[in-house]
Amino acid sequence: MQYIVSAEWLAGEMKRENKKLVIVDTRFNLSEPEEGYKHYLEGHLPGAVYVDLEKHLSAKIEKHGGRHPLPDINILAKTLGKLGISNDSKVVIYDDQGGMNASRLWWLLNYIGVPDAAVLDGGWKKWTSEINLLTTVVPNPAPITLLPQINNDWKWVDHLEVKKKLNQTDTILIDSRENPRYLGEFEPIDPVAGHIPGAKNYFWKNVLNEKGRWKEREELITHFSDIPLSKEVIVYCGSGVSACPNILGLREAGYSNVKLYAGSWSDWISYPTNPVVVGNEWERDK
């Protein structure tokens, strides 16, 4: 499966009118939740449908589960089916945040049984600068049936499983947040600063190059080279969204036993007895 596709490839598929192709716009601004859809209405890729991070790709916030709990898979399947996505669709997803939101939908699609899903390399920025084929026409796709079929190779974990595996040498825990948040020096969102004990810090944006494009497979292999391929890898971030680009990067680099801690840090700290570490536990080999 292709996890990452180029703007040139997508333009070619659009030109030849691939009937299985569904393009999804996932632009979203956490500080201005309506901004993404507003931008979508102002212009988007031809044929693209819109999916909202908080309305469609997350469940209602509760006491536990984090700031972006996973959506009910049956509700999600109905939502995506109404947008013309079926189990055998070829779904290409883009955003304007380096693939963060797009990767969330990419992970969810793989989890519920839509394996032919990919993130658009370079996203909105590359498309508008190089292809620049846009429209304001909002499509009205024919509804289709999407049957959620949980893929056990894409399991997620809760705080209990993370806690159980904290001291197990066969499991590697990755924190996807920027380094000051990992260290507990700066926490702009959650009420507690720090990280889960034993976690290694791989800031999610480091799967991208200086141009905001996804690194090549060999570069991703090098990037994650401190992690043995044989290990189970559990990835978290602040709320389970920006962990997904790291999961995509790990999958692209050949890691098969990769799991999302869905609730992530915002869920972890909702349990007062869960341990928290401030400071650096791990110095990555340069």
Protein backbone atom coordinates (compact mmCIF):
# COMPACT_ATOMS: atom_id res chain seq x y z
CA MET A 1 0.00 0.00 0.00
CA GLN A 2 1.09 3.58 -0.63
CA TYR A 3 1.02 5.57 2.59
CA ILE A 4 2.26 8.77 0.92
CA VAL A 5 1.42 9.99 -2.59
CA SER A 6 2.74 12.93 -4.57
CA ALA A 7 0.74 15.85 -5.94
CA GLU A 8 1.80 14.81 -9.43
CA TRP A 9 0.46 11.28 -8.93
CA LEU A 10 -2.84 12.61 -7.57
CA ALA A 11 -3.23 15.02 -10.48
CA GLY A 12 -2.76 12.09 -12.85
CA GLU A 13 -5.39 9.99 -11.06
CA MET A 14 -7.83 12.90 -11.18
CA LYS A 15 -7.19 13.36 -14.90
CA ARG A 16 -7.92 9.73 -15.68
CA GLU A 17 -11.02 9.87 -13.46
CA ASN A 18 -10.22 6.99 -11.14
CA LYS A 19 -13.68 5.92 -9.93
CA LYS A 20 -12.35 4.57 -6.62
CA LEU A 21 -10.56 7.81 -5.77
CA VAL A 22 -11.91 9.92 -2.88
CA ILE A 23 -10.05 13.08 -1.87
CA VAL A 24 -10.53 14.35 1.67
CA ASP A 25 -9.73 17.84 2.99
CA THR A 26 -8.91 17.77 6.72
CA ARG A 27 -7.71 21.32 7.27
CA PHE A 28 -8.40 22.35 10.85
CA ASN A 29 -7.21 24.97 13.33
CA LEU A 30 -7.40 23.98 17.00
CA SER A 31 -7.67 27.60 18.11
CA GLU A 32 -10.31 28.44 15.47
CA PRO A 33 -12.37 25.25 14.97
CA GLU A 34 -14.54 26.65 12.15
CA GLU A 35 -11.61 28.00 10.16
CA GLY A 36 -10.81 24.77 8.32
CA TYR A 37 -14.28 24.40 6.83
CA LYS A 38 -14.33 28.10 5.97
CA HIS A 39 -11.10 27.68 4.02
CA TYR A 40 -12.53 24.57 2.37
CA LEU A 41 -15.51 26.58 1.08
CA GLU A 42 -13.14 29.27 -0.21
CA GLY A 43 -11.26 26.72 -2.29
CA HIS A 44 -10.26 23.04 -2.28
CA LEU A 45 -9.02 20.28 -4.54
CA PRO A 46 -11.61 19.33 -7.19
CA GLY A 47 -13.94 16.65 -5.87
CA ALA A 48 -12.61 16.86 -2.32
CA VAL A 49 -15.01 16.29 0.57
CA TYR A 50 -14.45 17.82 4.00
CA VAL A 51 -13.95 16.03 7.31
CA ASP A 52 -13.72 17.90 10.61
CA LEU A 53 -11.16 16.76 13.21
CA GLU A 54 -13.40 17.41 16.21
CA LYS A 55 -16.86 16.82 14.74
CA HIS A 56 -16.08 13.68 12.75
CA LEU A 57 -12.72 12.23 13.82
CA SER A 58 -13.15 12.60 17.58
CA ALA A 59 -15.76 11.65 20.17
CA LYS A 60 -17.16 13.87 22.90
CA ILE A 61 -14.66 14.80 25.60
CA GLU A 62 -15.24 12.99 28.88
CA LYS A 63 -13.37 12.82 32.20
CA HIS A 64 -10.96 10.30 30.68
CA GLY A 65 -9.98 9.54 27.11
CA GLY A 66 -8.05 12.69 26.30
CA ARG A 67 -8.82 15.85 24.34
CA HIS A 68 -9.57 14.01 21.09
CA PRO A 69 -11.07 10.61 22.00
CA LEU A 70 -11.43 8.15 19.16
CA PRO A 71 -14.84 8.35 17.49
CA ASP A 72 -17.38 5.55 17.62
CA ILE A 73 -16.42 3.42 14.63
CA ASN A 74 -20.01 2.82 13.52
CA ILE A 75 -20.78 6.53 13.54
CA LEU A 76 -17.52 7.24 11.73
CA ALA A 77 -18.29 4.59 9.10
CA LYS A 78 -21.70 6.12 8.43
CA THR A 79 -20.19 9.60 8.16
CA LEU A 80 -17.52 8.47 5.73
CA GLY A 81 -20.00 6.36 3.76
CA LYS A 82 -22.13 9.46 3.20
CA LEU A 83 -19.04 11.06 1.70
CA GLY A 84 -18.65 8.25 -0.81
CA ILE A 85 -15.96 6.25 1.00
CA SER A 86 -16.25 2.46 0.93
CA ASN A 87 -13.95 -0.31 2.08
CA ASP A 88 -12.28 -0.49 -1.33
CA SER A 89 -11.97 3.24 -1.98
CA LYS A 90 -8.60 4.82 -2.75
CA VAL A 91 -8.57 7.69 -0.24
CA VAL A 92 -6.08 10.56 -0.48
CA ILE A 93 -6.06 12.98 2.44
CA TYR A 94 -4.54 16.43 2.79
CA ASP A 95 -4.31 19.28 5.25
CA ASP A 96 -2.26 22.44 5.71
CA GLN A 97 -0.41 21.35 8.87
CA GLY A 98 2.27 19.02 7.61
CA GLY A 99 0.00 15.99 7.54
CA MET A 100 -1.00 15.98 11.21
CA ASN A 101 -4.78 15.92 10.71
CA ALA A 102 -4.51 13.92 7.49
CA SER A 103 -2.57 11.23 9.33
CA ARG A 104 -5.29 10.98 11.96
CA LEU A 105 -7.84 10.07 9.29
CA TRP A 106 -5.27 7.84 7.57
CA TRP A 107 -4.83 5.88 10.81
CA LEU A 108 -8.58 5.65 11.43
CA LEU A 109 -9.24 4.39 7.91
CA ASN A 110 -6.68 1.63 8.30
CA TYR A 111 -8.11 0.79 11.71
CA ILE A 112 -11.71 0.40 10.46
CA GLY A 113 -10.87 -1.50 7.28
CA VAL A 114 -10.11 0.99 4.50
CA PRO A 115 -6.49 0.05 3.82
CA ASP A 116 -5.95 1.92 0.56
CA ALA A 117 -5.50 5.30 2.21
CA ALA A 118 -2.66 7.76 1.73
CA VAL A 119 -1.55 11.22 2.81
CA LEU A 120 -0.79 13.82 0.15
CA ASP A 121 2.90 14.69 0.30
CA GLY A 122 3.34 18.40 0.90
CA GLY A 123 -0.39 18.80 1.44
CA TRP A 124 -2.21 21.99 0.60
CA LYS A 125 0.97 24.07 0.28
CA LYS A 126 2.60 21.92 -2.38
CA TRP A 127 -0.63 21.43 -4.31
CA THR A 128 -1.40 25.15 -4.49
CA SER A 129 2.19 26.11 -5.35
CA GLU A 130 2.80 23.48 -8.05
CA ILE A 131 -0.51 22.10 -9.33
CA ASN A 132 -2.89 24.90 -8.31
CA LEU A 133 -6.00 23.13 -9.55
CA LEU A 134 -8.77 24.32 -7.22
CA THR A 135 -12.52 24.75 -7.06
CA THR A 136 -15.23 26.15 -4.78
CA VAL A 137 -17.76 23.53 -5.94
CA VAL A 138 -18.85 21.34 -3.01
CA PRO A 139 -19.42 17.79 -4.29
CA ASN A 140 -22.54 15.80 -3.51
CA PRO A 141 -21.32 12.18 -3.58
CA ALA A 142 -23.71 9.27 -3.66
CA PRO A 143 -23.82 7.59 -0.23
CA ILE A 144 -22.16 4.20 -0.08
CA THR A 145 -21.88 1.47 2.52
CA LEU A 146 -18.72 1.35 4.60
CA LEU A 147 -18.61 -1.68 6.88
CA PRO A 148 -16.23 -1.16 9.81
CA GLN A 149 -13.90 -4.15 9.99
CA ILE A 150 -11.36 -3.72 12.77
CA ASN A 151 -7.82 -4.41 11.58
CA ASN A 152 -5.96 -6.04 14.46
CA ASP A 153 -2.64 -4.89 13.00
CA TRP A 154 -3.70 -1.33 13.81
CA LYS A 155 -4.68 -1.71 17.44
CA TRP A 156 -4.76 1.17 19.87
CA VAL A 157 -4.01 0.99 23.58
CA ASP A 158 -5.38 2.63 26.72
CA HIS A 159 -3.58 3.95 29.80
CA LEU A 160 -3.78 0.59 31.58
CA GLU A 161 -1.84 -1.19 28.85
CA VAL A 162 0.72 1.61 28.72
CA LYS A 163 1.15 1.46 32.50
CA LYS A 164 1.55 -2.34 32.37
CA LYS A 165 4.32 -2.07 29.79
CA LEU A 166 6.32 0.80 31.28
CA ASN A 167 9.19 -1.42 32.41
CA GLN A 168 9.02 -4.04 29.68
CA THR A 169 12.09 -4.14 27.48
CA ASP A 170 10.12 -5.41 24.48
CA THR A 171 8.10 -2.18 24.27
CA ILE A 172 9.32 1.25 23.20
CA LEU A 173 7.23 4.30 24.11
CA ILE A 174 7.45 7.34 21.83
CA ASP A 175 6.36 10.86 22.82
CA SER A 176 5.57 12.86 19.66
CA ARG A 177 5.37 16.33 21.19
CA GLU A 178 7.97 19.05 20.79
CA ASN A 179 10.96 18.67 23.12
CA PRO A 180 10.13 21.45 25.67
CA ARG A 181 6.74 19.82 26.29
CA TYR A 182 8.35 16.39 26.62
CA LEU A 183 10.82 17.82 29.13
CA GLY A 184 8.05 19.55 31.06
CA GLU A 185 9.62 22.97 30.53
CA PHE A 186 6.58 24.29 28.67
CA GLU A 187 2.98 23.07 28.61
CA PRO A 188 0.55 25.37 26.78
CA ILE A 189 -2.45 23.04 26.67
CA ASP A 190 -2.62 20.41 29.39
CA PRO A 191 -2.72 21.07 33.17
CA VAL A 192 0.29 18.87 33.95
CA ALA A 193 3.72 19.09 32.33
CA GLY A 194 6.18 16.28 31.68
CA HIS A 195 6.09 12.89 30.01
CA ILE A 196 5.32 9.23 30.62
CA PRO A 197 8.25 7.44 32.31
CA GLY A 198 10.67 5.85 29.88
CA ALA A 199 9.29 7.57 26.79
CA LYS A 200 11.68 8.60 24.02
CA ASN A 201 11.06 11.92 22.32
CA TYR A 202 10.59 11.97 18.54
CA PHE A 203 8.90 15.25 17.64
CA TRP A 204 6.39 14.41 14.92
CA LYS A 205 7.48 17.18 12.55
CA ASN A 206 10.87 15.51 12.21
CA VAL A 207 9.37 12.96 9.81
CA LEU A 208 9.27 15.90 7.38
CA ASN A 209 12.17 17.55 5.60
CA GLU A 210 13.00 21.27 5.56
CA LYS A 211 10.50 21.83 2.73
CA GLY A 212 7.63 20.27 4.67
CA ARG A 213 7.67 17.12 2.53
CA TRP A 214 7.77 13.60 3.94
CA LYS A 215 11.26 12.20 4.24
CA GLU A 216 12.18 9.38 1.89
CA ARG A 217 11.93 5.84 3.23
CA GLU A 218 15.70 5.50 3.74
CA GLU A 219 15.73 8.78 5.67
CA LEU A 220 12.90 7.54 7.89
CA ILE A 221 14.77 4.30 8.51
CA THR A 222 17.74 6.38 9.66
CA HIS A 223 15.52 8.68 11.72
CA PHE A 224 14.09 5.75 13.71
CA SER A 225 17.28 3.67 13.70
CA ASP A 226 17.56 3.70 17.52
CA ILE A 227 14.38 1.61 17.65
CA PRO A 228 14.81 -2.11 16.87
CA LEU A 229 12.36 -3.39 14.28
CA SER A 230 11.49 -6.29 16.56
CA LYS A 231 10.10 -4.08 19.35
CA GLU A 232 6.51 -3.18 20.00
CA VAL A 233 6.20 0.60 19.60
CA ILE A 234 3.51 2.61 21.37
CA VAL A 235 3.18 6.20 20.16
CA TYR A 236 1.49 9.09 21.96
CA CYS A 237 1.29 12.87 21.79
CA GLY A 238 -0.95 15.39 23.55
CA SER A 239 -4.31 14.04 22.43
CA GLY A 240 -3.74 11.25 19.91
CA VAL A 241 -3.58 13.37 16.75
CA SER A 242 0.06 14.36 16.16
CA ALA A 243 1.15 10.85 17.15
CA CYS A 244 -0.28 9.65 13.83
CA PRO A 245 2.41 11.18 11.56
CA ASN A 246 5.00 9.29 13.61
CA ILE A 247 2.98 6.10 13.17
CA LEU A 248 2.90 6.70 9.42
CA GLY A 249 6.64 7.36 9.42
CA LEU A 250 7.32 4.20 11.41
CA ARG A 251 5.14 2.13 9.10
CA GLU A 252 6.87 3.60 6.08
CA ALA A 253 10.22 2.70 7.67
CA GLY A 254 9.17 -0.94 8.03
CA TYR A 255 7.88 -1.17 11.60
CA SER A 256 4.85 -3.45 11.81
CA ASN A 257 4.07 -3.63 15.55
CA VAL A 258 3.10 0.01 16.08
CA LYS A 259 0.20 1.08 18.29
CA LEU A 260 -1.46 4.38 19.08
CA TYR A 261 -2.06 5.37 22.68
CA ALA A 262 -5.33 6.96 21.71
CA GLY A 263 -5.90 9.18 24.73
CA SER A 264 -2.22 10.14 24.93
CA TRP A 265 -0.84 12.62 27.46
CA SER A 266 -4.17 14.36 28.13
CA ASP A 267 -5.66 10.99 29.08
CA TRP A 268 -2.60 9.84 31.06
CA ILE A 269 -2.69 12.82 33.40
CA SER A 270 -6.44 12.46 33.98
CA TYR A 271 -5.51 9.59 36.33
CA PRO A 272 -3.75 11.17 39.37
CA THR A 273 -1.91 7.96 40.25
CA ASN A 274 -0.19 7.66 36.87
CA PRO A 275 3.52 8.54 37.17
CA VAL A 276 4.92 11.62 35.45
CA VAL A 277 8.53 12.52 34.71
CA VAL A 278 9.96 16.02 34.20
CA GLY A 279 13.35 16.39 32.52
CA ASN A 280 15.33 14.28 30.08
CA GLU A 281 15.60 10.52 30.56
CA TRP A 282 17.01 9.77 27.14
CA GLU A 283 19.73 11.28 25.01
CA ARG A 284 19.36 10.18 21.43
CA ASP A 285 22.51 9.02 19.71
CA LYS A 286 23.58 11.58 17.13
